Amino acid sequence: MMQFELPWPPSTNRIWRNVVTRGRPQTLLSTEGRKFRTLAGHYCQLAGVAGKQLTGRLAVELHVQAPDRRGRDLDNVLKATLDALTHAGVWGDDSQIDRLVVTRGEITKGGKLLVSIEGAGA
C-alpha cells in the first residue's frame, strides 16, 4: 500500500475551459487545472510515487479535508485528482481503478487530500 498527501484540487467545474481556436471549439485544461496538475506532480515526487507506473487493478481511497465549511460535492475532487495522478505517472491510466472510496474528513486550513492506493506494486 502507498499513502501520501496532495493539495486541495480545483473543482471539476473549474478545470476545463471551452475555447474557439481557428473557428474550431476546443476543450482545454484551465490555468487553475494546469497549476494543480504541476503542484500535485511535485507532491508525488516528494512522496516517491511519481513515475511508479503501477500496473494491474487498483483500489484508491481519498480522504478529503476541505479548506472551509462551504457545502461541497465530494465527486468534484475526483477528476482533477485522478488525472493529475495519471499525469504524474503513479499509474498508467485511472481506468485501472476497480474500487474508489471517497470520505469527508475534518476542515483543514488550505485543504488537502490523503491518498491511499492498494494493488500491484503499491
PDB file of N, CA and C in Angstrom:
ATOM      1  N   MET A   1       0.845  -1.182   0.000  1.00  0.00           N
ATOM      2  CA  MET A   1       0.000   0.000   0.000  1.00  0.00           C
ATOM      3  C   MET A   1       0.884   1.237   0.000  1.00  0.00           C
ATOM      4  N   MET A   2       0.470   2.253  -0.737  1.00  0.00           N
ATOM      5  CA  MET A   2       1.174   3.528  -0.687  1.00  0.00           C
ATOM      6  C   MET A   2       0.213   4.592  -0.184  1.00  0.00           C
ATOM      7  N   GLN A   3       0.742   5.499   0.615  1.00  0.00           N
ATOM      8  CA  GLN A   3      -0.050   6.593   1.160  1.00  0.00           C
ATOM      9  C   GLN A   3       0.731   7.889   1.022  1.00  0.00           C
ATOM     10  N   PHE A   4       0.023   8.958   0.650  1.00  0.00           N
ATOM     11  CA  PHE A   4       0.662  10.257   0.505  1.00  0.00           C
ATOM     12  C   PHE A   4      -0.405  11.338   0.531  1.00  0.00           C
ATOM     13  N   GLU A   5       0.031  12.571   0.543  1.00  0.00           N
ATOM     14  CA  GLU A   5      -0.848  13.721   0.635  1.00  0.00           C
ATOM     15  C   GLU A   5      -0.793  14.537  -0.650  1.00  0.00           C
ATOM     16  N   LEU A   6      -1.921  15.129  -1.013  1.00  0.00           N
ATOM     17  CA  LEU A   6      -1.995  16.039  -2.149  1.00  0.00           C
ATOM     18  C   LEU A   6      -2.630  17.354  -1.707  1.00  0.00           C
ATOM     19  N   PRO A   7      -2.350  18.424  -2.428  1.00  0.00           N
ATOM     20  CA  PRO A   7      -3.004  19.703  -2.108  1.00  0.00           C
ATOM     21  C   PRO A   7      -4.474  19.649  -2.508  1.00  0.00           C
ATOM     22  N   TRP A   8      -5.219  20.629  -2.055  1.00  0.00           N
ATOM     23  CA  TRP A   8      -6.640  20.728  -2.393  1.00  0.00           C
ATOM     24  C   TRP A   8      -6.804  20.974  -3.891  1.00  0.00           C
ATOM     25  N   PRO A   9      -7.605  20.163  -4.584  1.00  0.00           N
ATOM     26  CA  PRO A   9      -7.766  20.319  -6.037  1.00  0.00           C
ATOM     27  C   PRO A   9      -8.861  21.319  -6.400  1.00  0.00           C
ATOM     28  N   PRO A  10      -8.792  21.850  -7.602  1.00  0.00           N
ATOM     29  CA  PRO A  10      -9.910  22.659  -8.090  1.00  0.00           C
ATOM     30  C   PRO A  10     -11.106  21.758  -8.382  1.00  0.00           C
ATOM     31  N   SER A  11     -12.281  22.317  -8.334  1.00  0.00           N
ATOM     32  CA  SER A  11     -13.499  21.584  -8.636  1.00  0.00           C
ATOM     33  C   SER A  11     -13.505  21.167 -10.109  1.00  0.00           C
ATOM     34  N   THR A  12     -14.204  20.092 -10.390  1.00  0.00           N
ATOM     35  CA  THR A  12     -14.371  19.651 -11.772  1.00  0.00           C
ATOM     36  C   THR A  12     -14.908  20.786 -12.636  1.00  0.00           C
ATOM     37  N   ASN A  13     -15.744  21.624 -12.051  1.00  0.00           N
ATOM     38  CA  ASN A  13     -16.349  22.733 -12.792  1.00  0.00           C
ATOM     39  C   ASN A  13     -15.329  23.791 -13.196  1.00  0.00           C
ATOM     40  N   ARG A  14     -14.122  23.755 -12.631  1.00  0.00           N
ATOM     41  CA  ARG A  14     -13.133  24.804 -12.892  1.00  0.00           C
ATOM     42  C   ARG A  14     -11.883  24.319 -13.638  1.00  0.00           C
ATOM     43  N   ILE A  15     -11.790  23.022 -13.941  1.00  0.00           N
ATOM     44  CA  ILE A  15     -10.539  22.547 -14.549  1.00  0.00           C
ATOM     45  C   ILE A  15     -10.540  22.573 -16.077  1.00  0.00           C
ATOM     46  N   TRP A  16     -11.676  22.747 -16.684  1.00  0.00           N
ATOM     47  CA  TRP A  16     -11.752  22.763 -18.143  1.00  0.00           C
ATOM     48  C   TRP A  16     -12.304  24.094 -18.635  1.00  0.00           C
ATOM     49  N   ARG A  17     -11.831  24.540 -19.785  1.00  0.00           N
ATOM     50  CA  ARG A  17     -12.315  25.756 -20.436  1.00  0.00           C
ATOM     51  C   ARG A  17     -12.604  25.439 -21.895  1.00  0.00           C
ATOM     52  N   ASN A  18     -13.737  25.932 -22.348  1.00  0.00           N
ATOM     53  CA  ASN A  18     -14.105  25.787 -23.761  1.00  0.00           C
ATOM     54  C   ASN A  18     -13.679  27.043 -24.490  1.00  0.00           C
ATOM     55  N   VAL A  19     -12.897  26.871 -25.547  1.00  0.00           N
ATOM     56  CA  VAL A  19     -12.416  27.999 -26.337  1.00  0.00           C
ATOM     57  C   VAL A  19     -12.616  27.687 -27.816  1.00  0.00           C
ATOM     58  N   VAL A  20     -12.549  28.714 -28.618  1.00  0.00           N
ATOM     59  CA  VAL A  20     -12.622  28.538 -30.069  1.00  0.00           C
ATOM     60  C   VAL A  20     -11.282  28.973 -30.638  1.00  0.00           C
ATOM     61  N   THR A  21     -10.617  28.065 -31.334  1.00  0.00           N
ATOM     62  CA  THR A  21      -9.323  28.331 -31.954  1.00  0.00           C
ATOM     63  C   THR A  21      -9.446  28.072 -33.450  1.00  0.00           C
ATOM     64  N   ARG A  22      -9.131  29.096 -34.239  1.00  0.00           N
ATOM     65  CA  ARG A  22      -9.244  28.986 -35.699  1.00  0.00           C
ATOM     66  C   ARG A  22     -10.636  28.503 -36.114  1.00  0.00           C
ATOM     67  N   GLY A  23     -11.649  29.018 -35.407  1.00  0.00           N
ATOM     68  CA  GLY A  23     -13.022  28.680 -35.737  1.00  0.00           C
ATOM     69  C   GLY A  23     -13.492  27.323 -35.246  1.00  0.00           C
ATOM     70  N   ARG A  24     -12.635  26.612 -34.506  1.00  0.00           N
ATOM     71  CA  ARG A  24     -12.998  25.272 -34.031  1.00  0.00           C
ATOM     72  C   ARG A  24     -13.086  25.268 -32.508  1.00  0.00           C
ATOM     73  N   PRO A  25     -14.172  24.748 -31.959  1.00  0.00           N
ATOM     74  CA  PRO A  25     -14.282  24.663 -30.497  1.00  0.00           C
ATOM     75  C   PRO A  25     -13.338  23.604 -29.943  1.00  0.00           C
ATOM     76  N   GLN A  26     -12.717  23.931 -28.820  1.00  0.00           N
ATOM     77  CA  GLN A  26     -11.814  23.003 -28.140  1.00  0.00           C
ATOM     78  C   GLN A  26     -12.053  23.088 -26.642  1.00  0.00           C
ATOM     79  N   THR A  27     -11.824  21.991 -25.952  1.00  0.00           N
ATOM     80  CA  THR A  27     -11.864  21.979 -24.502  1.00  0.00           C
ATOM     81  C   THR A  27     -10.432  21.825 -24.022  1.00  0.00           C
ATOM     82  N   LEU A  28      -9.977  22.792 -23.216  1.00  0.00           N
ATOM     83  CA  LEU A  28      -8.592  22.811 -22.743  1.00  0.00           C
ATOM     84  C   LEU A  28      -8.537  22.822 -21.226  1.00  0.00           C
ATOM     85  N   LEU A  29      -7.455  22.313 -20.681  1.00  0.00           N
ATOM     86  CA  LEU A  29      -7.212  22.379 -19.247  1.00  0.00           C
ATOM     87  C   LEU A  29      -7.021  23.843 -18.866  1.00  0.00           C
ATOM     88  N   SER A  30      -7.740  24.298 -17.864  1.00  0.00           N
ATOM     89  CA  SER A  30      -7.667  25.698 -17.440  1.00  0.00           C
ATOM     90  C   SER A  30      -6.326  25.995 -16.769  1.00  0.00           C
ATOM     91  N   THR A  31      -6.043  27.268 -16.589  1.00  0.00           N
ATOM     92  CA  THR A  31      -4.828  27.677 -15.868  1.00  0.00           C
ATOM     93  C   THR A  31      -4.822  27.061 -14.478  1.00  0.00           C
ATOM     94  N   GLU A  32      -5.961  27.103 -13.800  1.00  0.00           N
ATOM     95  CA  GLU A  32      -6.064  26.522 -12.457  1.00  0.00           C
ATOM     96  C   GLU A  32      -5.824  25.014 -12.495  1.00  0.00           C
ATOM     97  N   GLY A  33      -6.344  24.352 -13.517  1.00  0.00           N
ATOM     98  CA  GLY A  33      -6.134  22.914 -13.676  1.00  0.00           C
ATOM     99  C   GLY A  33      -4.676  22.577 -13.925  1.00  0.00           C
ATOM    100  N   ARG A  34      -4.001  23.384 -14.760  1.00  0.00           N
ATOM    101  CA  ARG A  34      -2.572  23.146 -15.036  1.00  0.00           C
ATOM    102  C   ARG A  34      -1.726  23.368 -13.783  1.00  0.00           C
ATOM    103  N   LYS A  35      -2.050  24.404 -13.019  1.00  0.00           N
ATOM    104  CA  LYS A  35      -1.301  24.678 -11.783  1.00  0.00           C
ATOM    105  C   LYS A  35      -1.454  23.527 -10.800  1.00  0.00           C
ATOM    106  N   PHE A  36      -2.691  23.019 -10.654  1.00  0.00           N
ATOM    107  CA  PHE A  36      -2.902  21.897  -9.743  1.00  0.00           C
ATOM    108  C   PHE A  36      -2.143  20.662 -10.217  1.00  0.00           C
ATOM    109  N   ARG A  37      -2.201  20.368 -11.497  1.00  0.00           N
ATOM    110  CA  ARG A  37      -1.506  19.193 -12.040  1.00  0.00           C
ATOM    111  C   ARG A  37      -0.010  19.263 -11.742  1.00  0.00           C
ATOM    112  N   THR A  38       0.575  20.442 -11.934  1.00  0.00           N
ATOM    113  CA  THR A  38       2.006  20.631 -11.657  1.00  0.00           C
ATOM    114  C   THR A  38       2.303  20.465 -10.166  1.00  0.00           C
ATOM    115  N   LEU A  39       1.493  21.102  -9.324  1.00  0.00           N
ATOM    116  CA  LEU A  39       1.704  21.021  -7.880  1.00  0.00           C
ATOM    117  C   LEU A  39       1.516  19.593  -7.374  1.00  0.00           C
ATOM    118  N   ALA A  40       0.495  18.907  -7.872  1.00  0.00           N
ATOM    119  CA  ALA A  40       0.266  17.516  -7.481  1.00  0.00           C
ATOM    120  C   ALA A  40       1.450  16.642  -7.907  1.00  0.00           C
ATOM    121  N   GLY A  41       2.011  16.917  -9.074  1.00  0.00           N
ATOM    122  CA  GLY A  41       3.194  16.184  -9.526  1.00  0.00           C
ATOM    123  C   GLY A  41       4.368  16.371  -8.591  1.00  0.00           C
ATOM    124  N   HIS A  42       4.559  17.589  -8.079  1.00  0.00           N
ATOM    125  CA  HIS A  42       5.638  17.841  -7.113  1.00  0.00           C
ATOM    126  C   HIS A  42       5.393  17.070  -5.821  1.00  0.00           C
ATOM    127  N   TYR A  43       4.163  17.055  -5.344  1.00  0.00           N
ATOM    128  CA  TYR A  43       3.828  16.291  -4.137  1.00  0.00           C
ATOM    129  C   TYR A  43       4.127  14.803  -4.364  1.00  0.00           C
ATOM    130  N   CYS A  44       3.790  14.286  -5.550  1.00  0.00           N
ATOM    131  CA  CYS A  44       4.046  12.880  -5.872  1.00  0.00           C
ATOM    132  C   CYS A  44       5.541  12.587  -5.898  1.00  0.00           C
ATOM    133  N   GLN A  45       6.333  13.517  -6.447  1.00  0.00           N
ATOM    134  CA  GLN A  45       7.789  13.342  -6.451  1.00  0.00           C
ATOM    135  C   GLN A  45       8.327  13.295  -5.030  1.00  0.00           C
ATOM    136  N   LEU A  46       7.882  14.225  -4.193  1.00  0.00           N
ATOM    137  CA  LEU A  46       8.344  14.255  -2.801  1.00  0.00           C
ATOM    138  C   LEU A  46       7.964  12.984  -2.050  1.00  0.00           C
ATOM    139  N   ALA A  47       6.808  12.416  -2.374  1.00  0.00           N
ATOM    140  CA  ALA A  47       6.348  11.189  -1.715  1.00  0.00           C
ATOM    141  C   ALA A  47       6.981   9.938  -2.316  1.00  0.00           C
ATOM    142  N   GLY A  48       7.699  10.106  -3.436  1.00  0.00           N
ATOM    143  CA  GLY A  48       8.354   8.961  -4.077  1.00  0.00           C
ATOM    144  C   GLY A  48       7.413   8.084  -4.885  1.00  0.00           C
ATOM    145  N   VAL A  49       6.271   8.625  -5.295  1.00  0.00           N
ATOM    146  CA  VAL A  49       5.317   7.822  -6.056  1.00  0.00           C
ATOM    147  C   VAL A  49       5.228   8.228  -7.525  1.00  0.00           C
ATOM    148  N   ALA A  50       5.813   9.371  -7.886  1.00  0.00           N
ATOM    149  CA  ALA A  50       5.785   9.809  -9.288  1.00  0.00           C
ATOM    150  C   ALA A  50       6.570   8.830 -10.142  1.00  0.00           C
ATOM    151  N   GLY A  51       6.035   8.487 -11.286  1.00  0.00           N
ATOM    152  CA  GLY A  51       6.736   7.596 -12.207  1.00  0.00           C
ATOM    153  C   GLY A  51       6.696   6.129 -11.823  1.00  0.00           C
ATOM    154  N   LYS A  52       5.944   5.747 -10.820  1.00  0.00           N
ATOM    155  CA  LYS A  52       5.859   4.334 -10.402  1.00  0.00           C
ATOM    156  C   LYS A  52       5.206   3.468 -11.476  1.00  0.00           C
ATOM    157  N   GLN A  53       4.274   4.070 -12.227  1.00  0.00           N
ATOM    158  CA  GLN A  53       3.543   3.354 -13.278  1.00  0.00           C
ATOM    159  C   GLN A  53       2.988   2.022 -12.760  1.00  0.00           C
ATOM    160  N   LEU A  54       2.204   2.101 -11.686  1.00  0.00           N
ATOM    161  CA  LEU A  54       1.569   0.900 -11.147  1.00  0.00           C
ATOM    162  C   LEU A  54       0.787   0.197 -12.242  1.00  0.00           C
ATOM    163  N   THR A  55       0.842  -1.115 -12.233  1.00  0.00           N
ATOM    164  CA  THR A  55       0.111  -1.910 -13.222  1.00  0.00           C
ATOM    165  C   THR A  55      -0.955  -2.722 -12.515  1.00  0.00           C
ATOM    166  N   GLY A  56      -1.838  -3.288 -13.277  1.00  0.00           N
ATOM    167  CA  GLY A  56      -2.881  -4.128 -12.699  1.00  0.00           C
ATOM    168  C   GLY A  56      -4.033  -3.313 -12.140  1.00  0.00           C
ATOM    169  N   ARG A  57      -4.898  -4.008 -11.445  1.00  0.00           N
ATOM    170  CA  ARG A  57      -6.102  -3.417 -10.894  1.00  0.00           C
ATOM    171  C   ARG A  57      -5.773  -2.729  -9.572  1.00  0.00           C
ATOM    172  N   LEU A  58      -6.408  -1.589  -9.311  1.00  0.00           N
ATOM    173  CA  LEU A  58      -6.076  -0.779  -8.149  1.00  0.00           C
ATOM    174  C   LEU A  58      -7.314  -0.427  -7.332  1.00  0.00           C
ATOM    175  N   ALA A  59      -7.085  -0.205  -6.036  1.00  0.00           N
ATOM    176  CA  ALA A  59      -8.093   0.332  -5.127  1.00  0.00           C
ATOM    177  C   ALA A  59      -7.541   1.646  -4.592  1.00  0.00           C
ATOM    178  N   VAL A  60      -8.325   2.718  -4.696  1.00  0.00           N
ATOM    179  CA  VAL A  60      -7.878   4.046  -4.293  1.00  0.00           C
ATOM    180  C   VAL A  60      -8.847   4.601  -3.260  1.00  0.00           C
ATOM    181  N   GLU A  61      -8.283   5.149  -2.190  1.00  0.00           N
ATOM    182  CA  GLU A  61      -9.091   5.832  -1.182  1.00  0.00           C
ATOM    183  C   GLU A  61      -8.612   7.267  -1.076  1.00  0.00           C
ATOM    184  N   LEU A  62      -9.554   8.191  -1.083  1.00  0.00           N
ATOM    185  CA  LEU A  62      -9.265   9.610  -0.915  1.00  0.00           C
ATOM    186  C   LEU A  62      -9.985  10.095   0.332  1.00  0.00           C
ATOM    187  N   HIS A  63      -9.228  10.638   1.262  1.00  0.00           N
ATOM    188  CA  HIS A  63      -9.795  11.238   2.468  1.00  0.00           C
ATOM    189  C   HIS A  63      -9.712  12.742   2.255  1.00  0.00           C
ATOM    190  N   VAL A  64     -10.866  13.369   2.074  1.00  0.00           N
ATOM    191  CA  VAL A  64     -10.971  14.757   1.660  1.00  0.00           C
ATOM    192  C   VAL A  64     -11.090  15.669   2.878  1.00  0.00           C
ATOM    193  N   GLN A  65     -10.163  16.600   2.990  1.00  0.00           N
ATOM    194  CA  GLN A  65     -10.202  17.569   4.079  1.00  0.00           C
ATOM    195  C   GLN A  65     -10.329  18.961   3.456  1.00  0.00           C
ATOM    196  N   ALA A  66     -11.566  19.442   3.400  1.00  0.00           N
ATOM    197  CA  ALA A  66     -11.868  20.712   2.722  1.00  0.00           C
ATOM    198  C   ALA A  66     -11.229  21.896   3.449  1.00  0.00           C
ATOM    199  N   PRO A  67     -10.997  22.989   2.720  1.00  0.00           N
ATOM    200  CA  PRO A  67     -10.366  24.167   3.312  1.00  0.00           C
ATOM    201  C   PRO A  67     -11.317  25.036   4.135  1.00  0.00           C
ATOM    202  N   ASP A  68     -12.633  24.800   3.998  1.00  0.00           N
ATOM    203  CA  ASP A  68     -13.609  25.616   4.731  1.00  0.00           C
ATOM    204  C   ASP A  68     -14.922  24.842   4.840  1.00  0.00           C
ATOM    205  N   ARG A  69     -15.908  25.447   5.451  1.00  0.00           N
ATOM    206  CA  ARG A  69     -17.185  24.780   5.718  1.00  0.00           C
ATOM    207  C   ARG A  69     -18.217  24.896   4.594  1.00  0.00           C
ATOM    208  N   ARG A  70     -17.844  25.455   3.460  1.00  0.00           N
ATOM    209  CA  ARG A  70     -18.789  25.545   2.343  1.00  0.00           C
ATOM    210  C   ARG A  70     -19.297  24.167   1.956  1.00  0.00           C
ATOM    211  N   GLY A  71     -20.535  24.121   1.505  1.00  0.00           N
ATOM    212  CA  GLY A  71     -21.071  22.851   1.011  1.00  0.00           C
ATOM    213  C   GLY A  71     -20.340  22.443  -0.260  1.00  0.00           C
ATOM    214  N   ARG A  72     -19.896  21.207  -0.329  1.00  0.00           N
ATOM    215  CA  ARG A  72     -19.141  20.723  -1.496  1.00  0.00           C
ATOM    216  C   ARG A  72     -19.590  19.313  -1.854  1.00  0.00           C
ATOM    217  N   ASP A  73     -19.651  19.051  -3.133  1.00  0.00           N
ATOM    218  CA  ASP A  73     -19.909  17.690  -3.606  1.00  0.00           C
ATOM    219  C   ASP A  73     -18.589  16.938  -3.617  1.00  0.00           C
ATOM    220  N   LEU A  74     -18.545  15.795  -2.954  1.00  0.00           N
ATOM    221  CA  LEU A  74     -17.294  15.024  -2.891  1.00  0.00           C
ATOM    222  C   LEU A  74     -16.794  14.608  -4.272  1.00  0.00           C
ATOM    223  N   ASP A  75     -17.710  14.334  -5.179  1.00  0.00           N
ATOM    224  CA  ASP A  75     -17.274  13.869  -6.504  1.00  0.00           C
ATOM    225  C   ASP A  75     -16.541  14.950  -7.294  1.00  0.00           C
ATOM    226  N   ASN A  76     -16.652  16.211  -6.899  1.00  0.00           N
ATOM    227  CA  ASN A  76     -15.962  17.274  -7.633  1.00  0.00           C
ATOM    228  C   ASN A  76     -14.456  17.309  -7.392  1.00  0.00           C
ATOM    229  N   VAL A  77     -13.936  16.537  -6.455  1.00  0.00           N
ATOM    230  CA  VAL A  77     -12.479  16.486  -6.259  1.00  0.00           C
ATOM    231  C   VAL A  77     -11.839  15.370  -7.089  1.00  0.00           C
ATOM    232  N   LEU A  78     -12.658  14.506  -7.671  1.00  0.00           N
ATOM    233  CA  LEU A  78     -12.114  13.308  -8.311  1.00  0.00           C
ATOM    234  C   LEU A  78     -11.387  13.550  -9.626  1.00  0.00           C
ATOM    235  N   LYS A  79     -12.004  14.252 -10.554  1.00  0.00           N
ATOM    236  CA  LYS A  79     -11.453  14.355 -11.911  1.00  0.00           C
ATOM    237  C   LYS A  79     -10.056  14.966 -11.928  1.00  0.00           C
ATOM    238  N   ALA A  80      -9.899  16.128 -11.295  1.00  0.00           N
ATOM    239  CA  ALA A  80      -8.580  16.774 -11.290  1.00  0.00           C
ATOM    240  C   ALA A  80      -7.549  15.908 -10.585  1.00  0.00           C
ATOM    241  N   THR A  81      -7.957  15.269  -9.486  1.00  0.00           N
ATOM    242  CA  THR A  81      -7.028  14.460  -8.697  1.00  0.00           C
ATOM    243  C   THR A  81      -6.567  13.226  -9.468  1.00  0.00           C
ATOM    244  N   LEU A  82      -7.507  12.451  -9.988  1.00  0.00           N
ATOM    245  CA  LEU A  82      -7.138  11.218 -10.689  1.00  0.00           C
ATOM    246  C   LEU A  82      -6.359  11.512 -11.965  1.00  0.00           C
ATOM    247  N   ASP A  83      -6.741  12.556 -12.681  1.00  0.00           N
ATOM    248  CA  ASP A  83      -5.990  12.934 -13.881  1.00  0.00           C
ATOM    249  C   ASP A  83      -4.581  13.398 -13.532  1.00  0.00           C
ATOM    250  N   ALA A  84      -4.425  14.120 -12.425  1.00  0.00           N
ATOM    251  CA  ALA A  84      -3.088  14.573 -12.005  1.00  0.00           C
ATOM    252  C   ALA A  84      -2.204  13.382 -11.627  1.00  0.00           C
ATOM    253  N   LEU A  85      -2.783  12.375 -10.983  1.00  0.00           N
ATOM    254  CA  LEU A  85      -2.004  11.186 -10.621  1.00  0.00           C
ATOM    255  C   LEU A  85      -1.600  10.400 -11.863  1.00  0.00           C
ATOM    256  N   THR A  86      -2.471  10.369 -12.857  1.00  0.00           N
ATOM    257  CA  THR A  86      -2.115   9.741 -14.131  1.00  0.00           C
ATOM    258  C   THR A  86      -0.969  10.509 -14.780  1.00  0.00           C
ATOM    259  N   HIS A  87      -1.102  11.827 -14.824  1.00  0.00           N
ATOM    260  CA  HIS A  87      -0.080  12.673 -15.437  1.00  0.00           C
ATOM    261  C   HIS A  87       1.264  12.543 -14.715  1.00  0.00           C
ATOM    262  N   ALA A  88       1.243  12.345 -13.395  1.00  0.00           N
ATOM    263  CA  ALA A  88       2.473  12.183 -12.612  1.00  0.00           C
ATOM    264  C   ALA A  88       3.077  10.788 -12.771  1.00  0.00           C
ATOM    265  N   GLY A  89       2.363   9.902 -13.452  1.00  0.00           N
ATOM    266  CA  GLY A  89       2.905   8.561 -13.695  1.00  0.00           C
ATOM    267  C   GLY A  89       2.753   7.614 -12.528  1.00  0.00           C
ATOM    268  N   VAL A  90       1.823   7.891 -11.626  1.00  0.00           N
ATOM    269  CA  VAL A  90       1.595   6.975 -10.498  1.00  0.00           C
ATOM    270  C   VAL A  90       1.064   5.646 -11.027  1.00  0.00           C
ATOM    271  N   TRP A  91       0.205   5.709 -12.040  1.00  0.00           N
ATOM    272  CA  TRP A  91      -0.306   4.531 -12.729  1.00  0.00           C
ATOM    273  C   TRP A  91      -0.372   4.853 -14.217  1.00  0.00           C
ATOM    274  N   GLY A  92      -0.645   3.855 -15.011  1.00  0.00           N
ATOM    275  CA  GLY A  92      -0.736   4.091 -16.455  1.00  0.00           C
ATOM    276  C   GLY A  92      -1.977   4.869 -16.832  1.00  0.00           C
ATOM    277  N   ASP A  93      -3.117   4.512 -16.218  1.00  0.00           N
ATOM    278  CA  ASP A  93      -4.379   5.171 -16.535  1.00  0.00           C
ATOM    279  C   ASP A  93      -5.353   4.936 -15.386  1.00  0.00           C
ATOM    280  N   ASP A  94      -6.199   5.923 -15.109  1.00  0.00           N
ATOM    281  CA  ASP A  94      -7.120   5.748 -13.993  1.00  0.00           C
ATOM    282  C   ASP A  94      -8.227   4.734 -14.286  1.00  0.00           C
ATOM    283  N   SER A  95      -8.266   4.195 -15.485  1.00  0.00           N
ATOM    284  CA  SER A  95      -9.195   3.094 -15.774  1.00  0.00           C
ATOM    285  C   SER A  95      -8.776   1.815 -15.053  1.00  0.00           C
ATOM    286  N   GLN A  96      -7.583   1.795 -14.466  1.00  0.00           N
ATOM    287  CA  GLN A  96      -7.112   0.644 -13.691  1.00  0.00           C
ATOM    288  C   GLN A  96      -7.800   0.561 -12.328  1.00  0.00           C
ATOM    289  N   ILE A  97      -8.506   1.595 -11.939  1.00  0.00           N
ATOM    290  CA  ILE A  97      -9.128   1.636 -10.621  1.00  0.00           C
ATOM    291  C   ILE A  97     -10.431   0.846 -10.631  1.00  0.00           C
ATOM    292  N   ASP A  98     -10.481  -0.198  -9.792  1.00  0.00           N
ATOM    293  CA  ASP A  98     -11.687  -1.004  -9.645  1.00  0.00           C
ATOM    294  C   ASP A  98     -12.494  -0.591  -8.421  1.00  0.00           C
ATOM    295  N   ARG A  99     -11.824  -0.007  -7.452  1.00  0.00           N
ATOM    296  CA  ARG A  99     -12.505   0.419  -6.215  1.00  0.00           C
ATOM    297  C   ARG A  99     -12.043   1.830  -5.888  1.00  0.00           C
ATOM    298  N   LEU A 100     -13.015   2.722  -5.686  1.00  0.00           N
ATOM    299  CA  LEU A 100     -12.712   4.111  -5.385  1.00  0.00           C
ATOM    300  C   LEU A 100     -13.588   4.539  -4.222  1.00  0.00           C
ATOM    301  N   VAL A 101     -12.948   4.904  -3.109  1.00  0.00           N
ATOM    302  CA  VAL A 101     -13.674   5.309  -1.902  1.00  0.00           C
ATOM    303  C   VAL A 101     -13.284   6.747  -1.586  1.00  0.00           C
ATOM    304  N   VAL A 102     -14.285   7.594  -1.376  1.00  0.00           N
ATOM    305  CA  VAL A 102     -14.052   8.995  -1.038  1.00  0.00           C
ATOM    306  C   VAL A 102     -14.774   9.283   0.274  1.00  0.00           C
ATOM    307  N   THR A 103     -14.026   9.779   1.260  1.00  0.00           N
ATOM    308  CA  THR A 103     -14.618  10.123   2.545  1.00  0.00           C
ATOM    309  C   THR A 103     -14.322  11.574   2.869  1.00  0.00           C
ATOM    310  N   ARG A 104     -15.253  12.179   3.596  1.00  0.00           N
ATOM    311  CA  ARG A 104     -15.088  13.560   4.016  1.00  0.00           C
ATOM    312  C   ARG A 104     -14.478  13.569   5.414  1.00  0.00           C
ATOM    313  N   GLY A 105     -13.423  14.355   5.581  1.00  0.00           N
ATOM    314  CA  GLY A 105     -12.762  14.482   6.870  1.00  0.00           C
ATOM    315  C   GLY A 105     -13.000  15.854   7.469  1.00  0.00           C
ATOM    316  N   GLU A 106     -12.167  16.193   8.423  1.00  0.00           N
ATOM    317  CA  GLU A 106     -12.292  17.463   9.120  1.00  0.00           C
ATOM    318  C   GLU A 106     -11.814  18.621   8.243  1.00  0.00           C
ATOM    319  N   ILE A 107     -12.286  19.814   8.560  1.00  0.00           N
ATOM    320  CA  ILE A 107     -11.856  21.025   7.871  1.00  0.00           C
ATOM    321  C   ILE A 107     -10.379  21.255   8.199  1.00  0.00           C
ATOM    322  N   THR A 108      -9.577  21.551   7.180  1.00  0.00           N
ATOM    323  CA  THR A 108      -8.141  21.771   7.356  1.00  0.00           C
ATOM    324  C   THR A 108      -7.750  23.037   6.616  1.00  0.00           C
ATOM    325  N   LYS A 109      -7.046  23.917   7.274  1.00  0.00           N
ATOM    326  CA  LYS A 109      -6.632  25.169   6.633  1.00  0.00           C
ATOM    327  C   LYS A 109      -5.923  24.876   5.305  1.00  0.00           C
ATOM    328  N   GLY A 110      -6.390  25.481   4.230  1.00  0.00           N
ATOM    329  CA  GLY A 110      -5.815  25.252   2.908  1.00  0.00           C
ATOM    330  C   GLY A 110      -6.381  24.033   2.206  1.00  0.00           C
ATOM    331  N   GLY A 111      -6.932  23.064   2.951  1.00  0.00           N
ATOM    332  CA  GLY A 111      -7.473  21.841   2.398  1.00  0.00           C
ATOM    333  C   GLY A 111      -6.391  20.885   1.939  1.00  0.00           C
ATOM    334  N   LYS A 112      -6.700  19.606   1.944  1.00  0.00           N
ATOM    335  CA  LYS A 112      -5.769  18.595   1.429  1.00  0.00           C
ATOM    336  C   LYS A 112      -6.509  17.293   1.200  1.00  0.00           C
ATOM    337  N   LEU A 113      -5.854  16.398   0.486  1.00  0.00           N
ATOM    338  CA  LEU A 113      -6.347  15.060   0.240  1.00  0.00           C
ATOM    339  C   LEU A 113      -5.325  14.062   0.752  1.00  0.00           C
ATOM    340  N   LEU A 114      -5.787  13.060   1.462  1.00  0.00           N
ATOM    341  CA  LEU A 114      -4.935  11.958   1.869  1.00  0.00           C
ATOM    342  C   LEU A 114      -5.263  10.789   0.934  1.00  0.00           C
ATOM    343  N   VAL A 115      -4.254  10.286   0.246  1.00  0.00           N
ATOM    344  CA  VAL A 115      -4.442   9.282  -0.791  1.00  0.00           C
ATOM    345  C   VAL A 115      -3.832   7.959  -0.341  1.00  0.00           C
ATOM    346  N   SER A 116      -4.596   6.883  -0.508  1.00  0.00           N
ATOM    347  CA  SER A 116      -4.100   5.519  -0.262  1.00  0.00           C
ATOM    348  C   SER A 116      -4.373   4.702  -1.505  1.00  0.00           C
ATOM    349  N   ILE A 117      -3.369   3.957  -1.948  1.00  0.00           N
ATOM    350  CA  ILE A 117      -3.520   3.118  -3.136  1.00  0.00           C
ATOM    351  C   ILE A 117      -3.071   1.699  -2.805  1.00  0.00           C
ATOM    352  N   GLU A 118      -3.900   0.742  -3.141  1.00  0.00           N
ATOM    353  CA  GLU A 118      -3.563  -0.677  -2.974  1.00  0.00           C
ATOM    354  C   GLU A 118      -3.634  -1.355  -4.330  1.00  0.00           C
ATOM    355  N   GLY A 119      -2.810  -2.356  -4.509  1.00  0.00           N
ATOM    356  CA  GLY A 119      -2.839  -3.115  -5.750  1.00  0.00           C
ATOM    357  C   GLY A 119      -1.438  -3.539  -6.120  1.00  0.00           C
ATOM    358  N   ALA A 120      -1.285  -3.982  -7.351  1.00  0.00           N
ATOM    359  CA  ALA A 120       0.003  -4.480  -7.839  1.00  0.00           C
ATOM    360  C   ALA A 120       1.089  -3.432  -7.695  1.00  0.00           C
ATOM    361  N   GLY A 121       2.087  -3.725  -6.907  1.00  0.00           N
ATOM    362  CA  GLY A 121       3.237  -2.846  -6.759  1.00  0.00           C
ATOM    363  C   GLY A 121       3.028  -1.624  -5.881  1.00  0.00           C
ATOM    364  N   ALA A 122       1.837  -1.481  -5.309  1.00  0.00           N
ATOM    365  CA  ALA A 122       1.545  -0.298  -4.493  1.00  0.00           C
ATOM    366  C   ALA A 122       2.108  -0.407  -3.080  1.00  0.00           C
TER     367      ALA A 122
END
